[in-house]
């Protein structure tokens, strides 16, 4: 199967990050999905009012049993999933 050219390239990302920095970027978040969030304003919105712990939600049916038998996410850099 042949490789196809990427839809976005590393130089394009570098140009976007340099421009964001010139515009006064204070914070860049890179999510695990690959999504970039560039905060231009000097004050970022506080999301502490919307933060929930995973323990705030009840486990799904058979979730604990499935997790103990099938650990699909190994830990990375001592971060356990």
PDB file of N, CA and C in Angstrom:
ATOM      1  N   UNK A   1       0.847  -1.167   0.000  1.00  0.00           N
ATOM      2  CA  UNK A   1       0.000   0.000   0.000  1.00  0.00           C
ATOM      3  C   UNK A   1       0.901   1.241   0.000  1.00  0.00           C
ATOM      4  N   UNK A   2       0.780   2.101  -0.990  1.00  0.00           N
ATOM      5  CA  UNK A   2       1.664   3.273  -1.068  1.00  0.00           C
ATOM      6  C   UNK A   2       1.296   4.314  -0.010  1.00  0.00           C
ATOM      7  N   UNK A   3       2.323   5.036   0.415  1.00  0.00           N
ATOM      8  CA  UNK A   3       2.095   6.128   1.362  1.00  0.00           C
ATOM      9  C   UNK A   3       1.529   7.325   0.619  1.00  0.00           C
ATOM     10  N   UNK A   4       0.669   8.034   1.265  1.00  0.00           N
ATOM     11  CA  UNK A   4       0.146   9.245   0.645  1.00  0.00           C
ATOM     12  C   UNK A   4       0.735  10.452   1.381  1.00  0.00           C
ATOM     13  N   UNK A   5       0.816  11.583   0.722  1.00  0.00           N
ATOM     14  CA  UNK A   5       1.397  12.755   1.370  1.00  0.00           C
ATOM     15  C   UNK A   5       0.518  13.218   2.537  1.00  0.00           C
ATOM     16  N   UNK A   6       1.124  13.720   3.592  1.00  0.00           N
ATOM     17  CA  UNK A   6       0.339  14.161   4.749  1.00  0.00           C
ATOM     18  C   UNK A   6      -0.497  15.389   4.404  1.00  0.00           C
ATOM     19  N   UNK A   7      -1.616  15.525   5.097  1.00  0.00           N
ATOM     20  CA  UNK A   7      -2.479  16.677   4.854  1.00  0.00           C
ATOM     21  C   UNK A   7      -1.915  17.928   5.508  1.00  0.00           C
ATOM     22  N   UNK A   8      -1.152  17.767   6.571  1.00  0.00           N
ATOM     23  CA  UNK A   8      -0.484  18.891   7.215  1.00  0.00           C
ATOM     24  C   UNK A   8       0.948  18.461   7.490  1.00  0.00           C
ATOM     25  N   UNK A   9       1.872  19.368   7.256  1.00  0.00           N
ATOM     26  CA  UNK A   9       3.279  19.021   7.382  1.00  0.00           C
ATOM     27  C   UNK A   9       3.895  19.684   8.608  1.00  0.00           C
ATOM     28  N   UNK A  10       5.041  19.178   9.018  1.00  0.00           N
ATOM     29  CA  UNK A  10       5.731  19.745  10.169  1.00  0.00           C
ATOM     30  C   UNK A  10       6.117  21.205   9.935  1.00  0.00           C
ATOM     31  N   UNK A  11       6.600  21.586   8.742  1.00  0.00           N
ATOM     32  CA  UNK A  11       6.882  23.016   8.520  1.00  0.00           C
ATOM     33  C   UNK A  11       5.637  23.897   8.645  1.00  0.00           C
ATOM     34  N   UNK A  12       4.483  23.383   8.244  1.00  0.00           N
ATOM     35  CA  UNK A  12       3.248  24.165   8.377  1.00  0.00           C
ATOM     36  C   UNK A  12       2.906  24.382   9.846  1.00  0.00           C
ATOM     37  N   UNK A  13       3.114  23.350  10.649  1.00  0.00           N
ATOM     38  CA  UNK A  13       2.863  23.487  12.087  1.00  0.00           C
ATOM     39  C   UNK A  13       3.850  24.474  12.694  1.00  0.00           C
ATOM     40  N   UNK A  14       5.113  24.388  12.309  1.00  0.00           N
ATOM     41  CA  UNK A  14       6.132  25.299  12.832  1.00  0.00           C
ATOM     42  C   UNK A  14       5.801  26.745  12.475  1.00  0.00           C
ATOM     43  N   UNK A  15       5.354  26.985  11.230  1.00  0.00           N
ATOM     44  CA  UNK A  15       4.969  28.347  10.824  1.00  0.00           C
ATOM     45  C   UNK A  15       3.805  28.850  11.672  1.00  0.00           C
ATOM     46  N   UNK A  16       2.811  27.989  11.910  1.00  0.00           N
ATOM     47  CA  UNK A  16       1.649  28.394  12.706  1.00  0.00           C
ATOM     48  C   UNK A  16       2.060  28.726  14.141  1.00  0.00           C
ATOM     49  N   UNK A  17       2.955  27.916  14.712  1.00  0.00           N
ATOM     50  CA  UNK A  17       3.398  28.176  16.083  1.00  0.00           C
ATOM     51  C   UNK A  17       4.231  29.457  16.175  1.00  0.00           C
ATOM     52  N   UNK A  18       5.088  29.716  15.182  1.00  0.00           N
ATOM     53  CA  UNK A  18       5.869  30.961  15.178  1.00  0.00           C
ATOM     54  C   UNK A  18       4.951  32.174  15.066  1.00  0.00           C
ATOM     55  N   UNK A  19       3.940  32.090  14.206  1.00  0.00           N
ATOM     56  CA  UNK A  19       3.005  33.203  14.052  1.00  0.00           C
ATOM     57  C   UNK A  19       2.205  33.416  15.334  1.00  0.00           C
ATOM     58  N   UNK A  20       1.794  32.335  15.980  1.00  0.00           N
ATOM     59  CA  UNK A  20       1.059  32.459  17.244  1.00  0.00           C
ATOM     60  C   UNK A  20       1.923  33.138  18.295  1.00  0.00           C
ATOM     61  N   UNK A  21       3.194  32.797  18.326  1.00  0.00           N
ATOM     62  CA  UNK A  21       4.107  33.417  19.287  1.00  0.00           C
ATOM     63  C   UNK A  21       4.251  34.910  19.005  1.00  0.00           C
ATOM     64  N   UNK A  22       4.331  35.281  17.709  1.00  0.00           N
ATOM     65  CA  UNK A  22       4.425  36.704  17.359  1.00  0.00           C
ATOM     66  C   UNK A  22       3.162  37.452  17.757  1.00  0.00           C
ATOM     67  N   UNK A  23       2.021  36.791  17.738  1.00  0.00           N
ATOM     68  CA  UNK A  23       0.753  37.422  18.083  1.00  0.00           C
ATOM     69  C   UNK A  23       0.519  37.494  19.588  1.00  0.00           C
ATOM     70  N   UNK A  24       1.454  36.984  20.377  1.00  0.00           N
ATOM     71  CA  UNK A  24       1.324  37.078  21.825  1.00  0.00           C
ATOM     72  C   UNK A  24       0.774  35.834  22.481  1.00  0.00           C
ATOM     73  N   UNK A  25       1.002  34.704  21.873  1.00  0.00           N
ATOM     74  CA  UNK A  25       0.506  33.450  22.426  1.00  0.00           C
ATOM     75  C   UNK A  25       1.119  33.206  23.802  1.00  0.00           C
ATOM     76  N   UNK A  26       0.284  32.887  24.759  1.00  0.00           N
ATOM     77  CA  UNK A  26       0.743  32.608  26.108  1.00  0.00           C
ATOM     78  C   UNK A  26       0.790  31.118  26.403  1.00  0.00           C
ATOM     79  N   UNK A  27      -0.023  30.338  25.704  1.00  0.00           N
ATOM     80  CA  UNK A  27      -0.140  28.928  26.031  1.00  0.00           C
ATOM     81  C   UNK A  27      -0.532  28.143  24.791  1.00  0.00           C
ATOM     82  N   UNK A  28       0.121  27.013  24.597  1.00  0.00           N
ATOM     83  CA  UNK A  28      -0.242  26.094  23.521  1.00  0.00           C
ATOM     84  C   UNK A  28      -0.473  24.739  24.157  1.00  0.00           C
ATOM     85  N   UNK A  29      -1.654  24.185  23.944  1.00  0.00           N
ATOM     86  CA  UNK A  29      -1.975  22.860  24.457  1.00  0.00           C
ATOM     87  C   UNK A  29      -1.996  21.884  23.291  1.00  0.00           C
ATOM     88  N   UNK A  30      -1.378  20.736  23.494  1.00  0.00           N
ATOM     89  CA  UNK A  30      -1.433  19.668  22.497  1.00  0.00           C
ATOM     90  C   UNK A  30      -2.171  18.513  23.138  1.00  0.00           C
ATOM     91  N   UNK A  31      -3.356  18.235  22.622  1.00  0.00           N
ATOM     92  CA  UNK A  31      -4.175  17.164  23.190  1.00  0.00           C
ATOM     93  C   UNK A  31      -3.724  15.811  22.653  1.00  0.00           C
ATOM     94  N   UNK A  32      -4.057  14.745  23.365  1.00  0.00           N
ATOM     95  CA  UNK A  32      -3.685  13.409  22.888  1.00  0.00           C
ATOM     96  C   UNK A  32      -4.254  13.067  21.512  1.00  0.00           C
ATOM     97  N   UNK A  33      -5.312  13.738  21.124  1.00  0.00           N
ATOM     98  CA  UNK A  33      -5.904  13.493  19.810  1.00  0.00           C
ATOM     99  C   UNK A  33      -5.124  14.171  18.693  1.00  0.00           C
ATOM    100  N   UNK A  34      -4.129  14.999  19.067  1.00  0.00           N
ATOM    101  CA  UNK A  34      -3.354  15.733  18.081  1.00  0.00           C
ATOM    102  C   UNK A  34      -3.871  17.140  17.866  1.00  0.00           C
ATOM    103  N   UNK A  35      -4.945  17.494  18.516  1.00  0.00           N
ATOM    104  CA  UNK A  35      -5.537  18.816  18.386  1.00  0.00           C
ATOM    105  C   UNK A  35      -4.662  19.842  19.107  1.00  0.00           C
ATOM    106  N   UNK A  36      -4.422  20.982  18.463  1.00  0.00           N
ATOM    107  CA  UNK A  36      -3.660  22.070  19.066  1.00  0.00           C
ATOM    108  C   UNK A  36      -4.621  23.164  19.509  1.00  0.00           C
ATOM    109  N   UNK A  37      -4.459  23.617  20.732  1.00  0.00           N
ATOM    110  CA  UNK A  37      -5.224  24.759  21.225  1.00  0.00           C
ATOM    111  C   UNK A  37      -4.232  25.884  21.476  1.00  0.00           C
ATOM    112  N   UNK A  38      -4.388  26.982  20.769  1.00  0.00           N
ATOM    113  CA  UNK A  38      -3.477  28.116  20.894  1.00  0.00           C
ATOM    114  C   UNK A  38      -4.233  29.241  21.587  1.00  0.00           C
ATOM    115  N   UNK A  39      -3.762  29.608  22.775  1.00  0.00           N
ATOM    116  CA  UNK A  39      -4.390  30.670  23.559  1.00  0.00           C
ATOM    117  C   UNK A  39      -3.641  31.972  23.286  1.00  0.00           C
ATOM    118  N   UNK A  40      -4.280  32.892  22.577  1.00  0.00           N
ATOM    119  CA  UNK A  40      -3.655  34.155  22.200  1.00  0.00           C
ATOM    120  C   UNK A  40      -3.756  35.174  23.331  1.00  0.00           C
ATOM    121  N   UNK A  41      -4.890  35.213  24.006  1.00  0.00           N
ATOM    122  CA  UNK A  41      -5.094  36.192  25.068  1.00  0.00           C
ATOM    123  C   UNK A  41      -4.142  35.946  26.215  1.00  0.00           C
ATOM    124  N   UNK A  42      -3.817  37.000  26.920  1.00  0.00           N
ATOM    125  CA  UNK A  42      -2.913  36.868  28.053  1.00  0.00           C
ATOM    126  C   UNK A  42      -3.587  36.186  29.234  1.00  0.00           C
ATOM    127  N   UNK A  43      -4.899  36.209  29.292  1.00  0.00           N
ATOM    128  CA  UNK A  43      -5.609  35.520  30.361  1.00  0.00           C
ATOM    129  C   UNK A  43      -6.355  34.354  29.739  1.00  0.00           C
ATOM    130  N   UNK A  44      -6.180  33.200  30.318  1.00  0.00           N
ATOM    131  CA  UNK A  44      -6.867  32.019  29.803  1.00  0.00           C
ATOM    132  C   UNK A  44      -8.072  31.737  30.682  1.00  0.00           C
ATOM    133  N   UNK A  45      -9.082  31.200  30.087  1.00  0.00           N
ATOM    134  CA  UNK A  45     -10.295  30.871  30.821  1.00  0.00           C
ATOM    135  C   UNK A  45     -10.002  29.773  31.833  1.00  0.00           C
ATOM    136  N   UNK A  46     -10.512  29.941  33.016  1.00  0.00           N
ATOM    137  CA  UNK A  46     -10.317  28.938  34.050  1.00  0.00           C
ATOM    138  C   UNK A  46     -11.355  27.848  33.881  1.00  0.00           C
ATOM    139  N   UNK A  47     -10.897  26.629  33.810  1.00  0.00           N
ATOM    140  CA  UNK A  47     -11.821  25.514  33.636  1.00  0.00           C
ATOM    141  C   UNK A  47     -11.986  24.722  34.918  1.00  0.00           C
ATOM    142  N   UNK A  48     -11.518  25.289  36.033  1.00  0.00           N
ATOM    143  CA  UNK A  48     -11.589  24.531  37.284  1.00  0.00           C
ATOM    144  C   UNK A  48     -13.021  24.288  37.727  1.00  0.00           C
ATOM    145  N   UNK A  49     -13.970  25.115  37.293  1.00  0.00           N
ATOM    146  CA  UNK A  49     -15.353  24.888  37.685  1.00  0.00           C
ATOM    147  C   UNK A  49     -15.960  23.703  36.935  1.00  0.00           C
ATOM    148  N   UNK A  50     -15.329  23.295  35.828  1.00  0.00           N
ATOM    149  CA  UNK A  50     -15.858  22.189  35.038  1.00  0.00           C
ATOM    150  C   UNK A  50     -15.014  20.926  35.144  1.00  0.00           C
ATOM    151  N   UNK A  51     -14.147  20.881  36.136  1.00  0.00           N
ATOM    152  CA  UNK A  51     -13.260  19.731  36.268  1.00  0.00           C
ATOM    153  C   UNK A  51     -13.939  18.676  37.122  1.00  0.00           C
ATOM    154  N   UNK A  52     -13.953  17.456  36.616  1.00  0.00           N
ATOM    155  CA  UNK A  52     -14.543  16.345  37.342  1.00  0.00           C
ATOM    156  C   UNK A  52     -13.509  15.236  37.445  1.00  0.00           C
ATOM    157  N   UNK A  53     -13.572  14.531  38.515  1.00  0.00           N
ATOM    158  CA  UNK A  53     -12.717  13.361  38.685  1.00  0.00           C
ATOM    159  C   UNK A  53     -13.415  12.173  38.049  1.00  0.00           C
ATOM    160  N   UNK A  54     -12.633  11.232  37.586  1.00  0.00           N
ATOM    161  CA  UNK A  54     -13.218  10.010  37.034  1.00  0.00           C
ATOM    162  C   UNK A  54     -14.006   9.273  38.111  1.00  0.00           C
ATOM    163  N   UNK A  55     -13.644   9.499  39.364  1.00  0.00           N
ATOM    164  CA  UNK A  55     -14.345   8.850  40.471  1.00  0.00           C
ATOM    165  C   UNK A  55     -15.733   9.435  40.713  1.00  0.00           C
ATOM    166  N   UNK A  56     -16.047  10.593  40.087  1.00  0.00           N
ATOM    167  CA  UNK A  56     -17.375  11.194  40.232  1.00  0.00           C
ATOM    168  C   UNK A  56     -18.436  10.429  39.454  1.00  0.00           C
ATOM    169  N   UNK A  57     -18.018   9.554  38.556  1.00  0.00           N
ATOM    170  CA  UNK A  57     -18.952   8.835  37.715  1.00  0.00           C
ATOM    171  C   UNK A  57     -18.994   7.366  38.116  1.00  0.00           C
ATOM    172  N   UNK A  58     -20.164   6.776  38.145  1.00  0.00           N
ATOM    173  CA  UNK A  58     -20.241   5.357  38.512  1.00  0.00           C
ATOM    174  C   UNK A  58     -19.643   4.494  37.409  1.00  0.00           C
ATOM    175  N   UNK A  59     -19.048   3.368  37.778  1.00  0.00           N
ATOM    176  CA  UNK A  59     -18.475   2.495  36.742  1.00  0.00           C
ATOM    177  C   UNK A  59     -19.570   1.900  35.868  1.00  0.00           C
ATOM    178  N   UNK A  60     -19.231   1.669  34.631  1.00  0.00           N
ATOM    179  CA  UNK A  60     -20.167   1.024  33.722  1.00  0.00           C
ATOM    180  C   UNK A  60     -20.294  -0.448  34.084  1.00  0.00           C
ATOM    181  N   UNK A  61     -21.359  -1.051  33.624  1.00  0.00           N
ATOM    182  CA  UNK A  61     -21.595  -2.459  33.913  1.00  0.00           C
ATOM    183  C   UNK A  61     -20.439  -3.302  33.372  1.00  0.00           C
ATOM    184  N   UNK A  62     -19.894  -4.153  34.190  1.00  0.00           N
ATOM    185  CA  UNK A  62     -18.786  -5.042  33.851  1.00  0.00           C
ATOM    186  C   UNK A  62     -17.482  -4.314  33.540  1.00  0.00           C
ATOM    187  N   UNK A  63     -17.405  -3.020  33.840  1.00  0.00           N
ATOM    188  CA  UNK A  63     -16.198  -2.255  33.511  1.00  0.00           C
ATOM    189  C   UNK A  63     -14.999  -2.737  34.334  1.00  0.00           C
ATOM    190  N   UNK A  64     -15.191  -2.935  35.623  1.00  0.00           N
ATOM    191  CA  UNK A  64     -14.087  -3.363  36.470  1.00  0.00           C
ATOM    192  C   UNK A  64     -13.594  -4.745  36.070  1.00  0.00           C
ATOM    193  N   UNK A  65     -14.511  -5.636  35.776  1.00  0.00           N
ATOM    194  CA  UNK A  65     -14.130  -6.991  35.390  1.00  0.00           C
ATOM    195  C   UNK A  65     -13.369  -6.986  34.065  1.00  0.00           C
ATOM    196  N   UNK A  66     -13.842  -6.183  33.110  1.00  0.00           N
ATOM    197  CA  UNK A  66     -13.184  -6.114  31.804  1.00  0.00           C
ATOM    198  C   UNK A  66     -11.790  -5.523  31.934  1.00  0.00           C
ATOM    199  N   UNK A  67     -11.630  -4.505  32.767  1.00  0.00           N
ATOM    200  CA  UNK A  67     -10.332  -3.867  32.926  1.00  0.00           C
ATOM    201  C   UNK A  67      -9.317  -4.825  33.555  1.00  0.00           C
ATOM    202  N   UNK A  68      -9.757  -5.580  34.538  1.00  0.00           N
ATOM    203  CA  UNK A  68      -8.816  -6.469  35.211  1.00  0.00           C
ATOM    204  C   UNK A  68      -8.378  -7.621  34.320  1.00  0.00           C
ATOM    205  N   UNK A  69      -9.189  -7.990  33.344  1.00  0.00           N
ATOM    206  CA  UNK A  69      -8.813  -9.098  32.456  1.00  0.00           C
ATOM    207  C   UNK A  69      -8.151  -8.625  31.162  1.00  0.00           C
ATOM    208  N   UNK A  70      -8.390  -7.371  30.748  1.00  0.00           N
ATOM    209  CA  UNK A  70      -7.864  -6.889  29.471  1.00  0.00           C
ATOM    210  C   UNK A  70      -7.295  -5.486  29.658  1.00  0.00           C
ATOM    211  N   UNK A  71      -6.042  -5.388  30.051  1.00  0.00           N
ATOM    212  CA  UNK A  71      -5.399  -4.087  30.224  1.00  0.00           C
ATOM    213  C   UNK A  71      -4.817  -3.667  28.883  1.00  0.00           C
ATOM    214  N   UNK A  72      -5.589  -2.894  28.133  1.00  0.00           N
ATOM    215  CA  UNK A  72      -5.193  -2.541  26.774  1.00  0.00           C
ATOM    216  C   UNK A  72      -4.279  -1.326  26.729  1.00  0.00           C
ATOM    217  N   UNK A  73      -4.204  -0.554  27.808  1.00  0.00           N
ATOM    218  CA  UNK A  73      -3.385   0.656  27.805  1.00  0.00           C
ATOM    219  C   UNK A  73      -2.229   0.495  28.780  1.00  0.00           C
ATOM    220  N   UNK A  74      -1.039   0.185  28.300  1.00  0.00           N
ATOM    221  CA  UNK A  74       0.104   0.078  29.204  1.00  0.00           C
ATOM    222  C   UNK A  74       0.520   1.457  29.704  1.00  0.00           C
ATOM    223  N   UNK A  75       1.202   1.502  30.838  1.00  0.00           N
ATOM    224  CA  UNK A  75       1.638   2.782  31.371  1.00  0.00           C
ATOM    225  C   UNK A  75       2.780   3.328  30.519  1.00  0.00           C
ATOM    226  N   UNK A  76       2.838   4.659  30.430  1.00  0.00           N
ATOM    227  CA  UNK A  76       3.861   5.351  29.672  1.00  0.00           C
ATOM    228  C   UNK A  76       4.491   6.386  30.581  1.00  0.00           C
ATOM    229  N   UNK A  77       5.803   6.343  30.718  1.00  0.00           N
ATOM    230  CA  UNK A  77       6.534   7.287  31.573  1.00  0.00           C
ATOM    231  C   UNK A  77       5.928   7.360  32.960  1.00  0.00           C
ATOM    232  N   UNK A  78       5.629   6.219  33.528  1.00  0.00           N
ATOM    233  CA  UNK A  78       5.042   6.088  34.865  1.00  0.00           C
ATOM    234  C   UNK A  78       3.655   6.709  34.979  1.00  0.00           C
ATOM    235  N   UNK A  79       2.976   6.959  33.851  1.00  0.00           N
ATOM    236  CA  UNK A  79       1.601   7.441  33.859  1.00  0.00           C
ATOM    237  C   UNK A  79       0.722   6.240  33.578  1.00  0.00           C
ATOM    238  N   UNK A  80      -0.132   5.902  34.517  1.00  0.00           N
ATOM    239  CA  UNK A  80      -0.992   4.735  34.356  1.00  0.00           C
ATOM    240  C   UNK A  80      -2.336   5.146  33.793  1.00  0.00           C
ATOM    241  N   UNK A  81      -2.814   4.379  32.833  1.00  0.00           N
ATOM    242  CA  UNK A  81      -4.099   4.667  32.190  1.00  0.00           C
ATOM    243  C   UNK A  81      -5.140   3.687  32.666  1.00  0.00           C
TER     244      UNK A  81
END
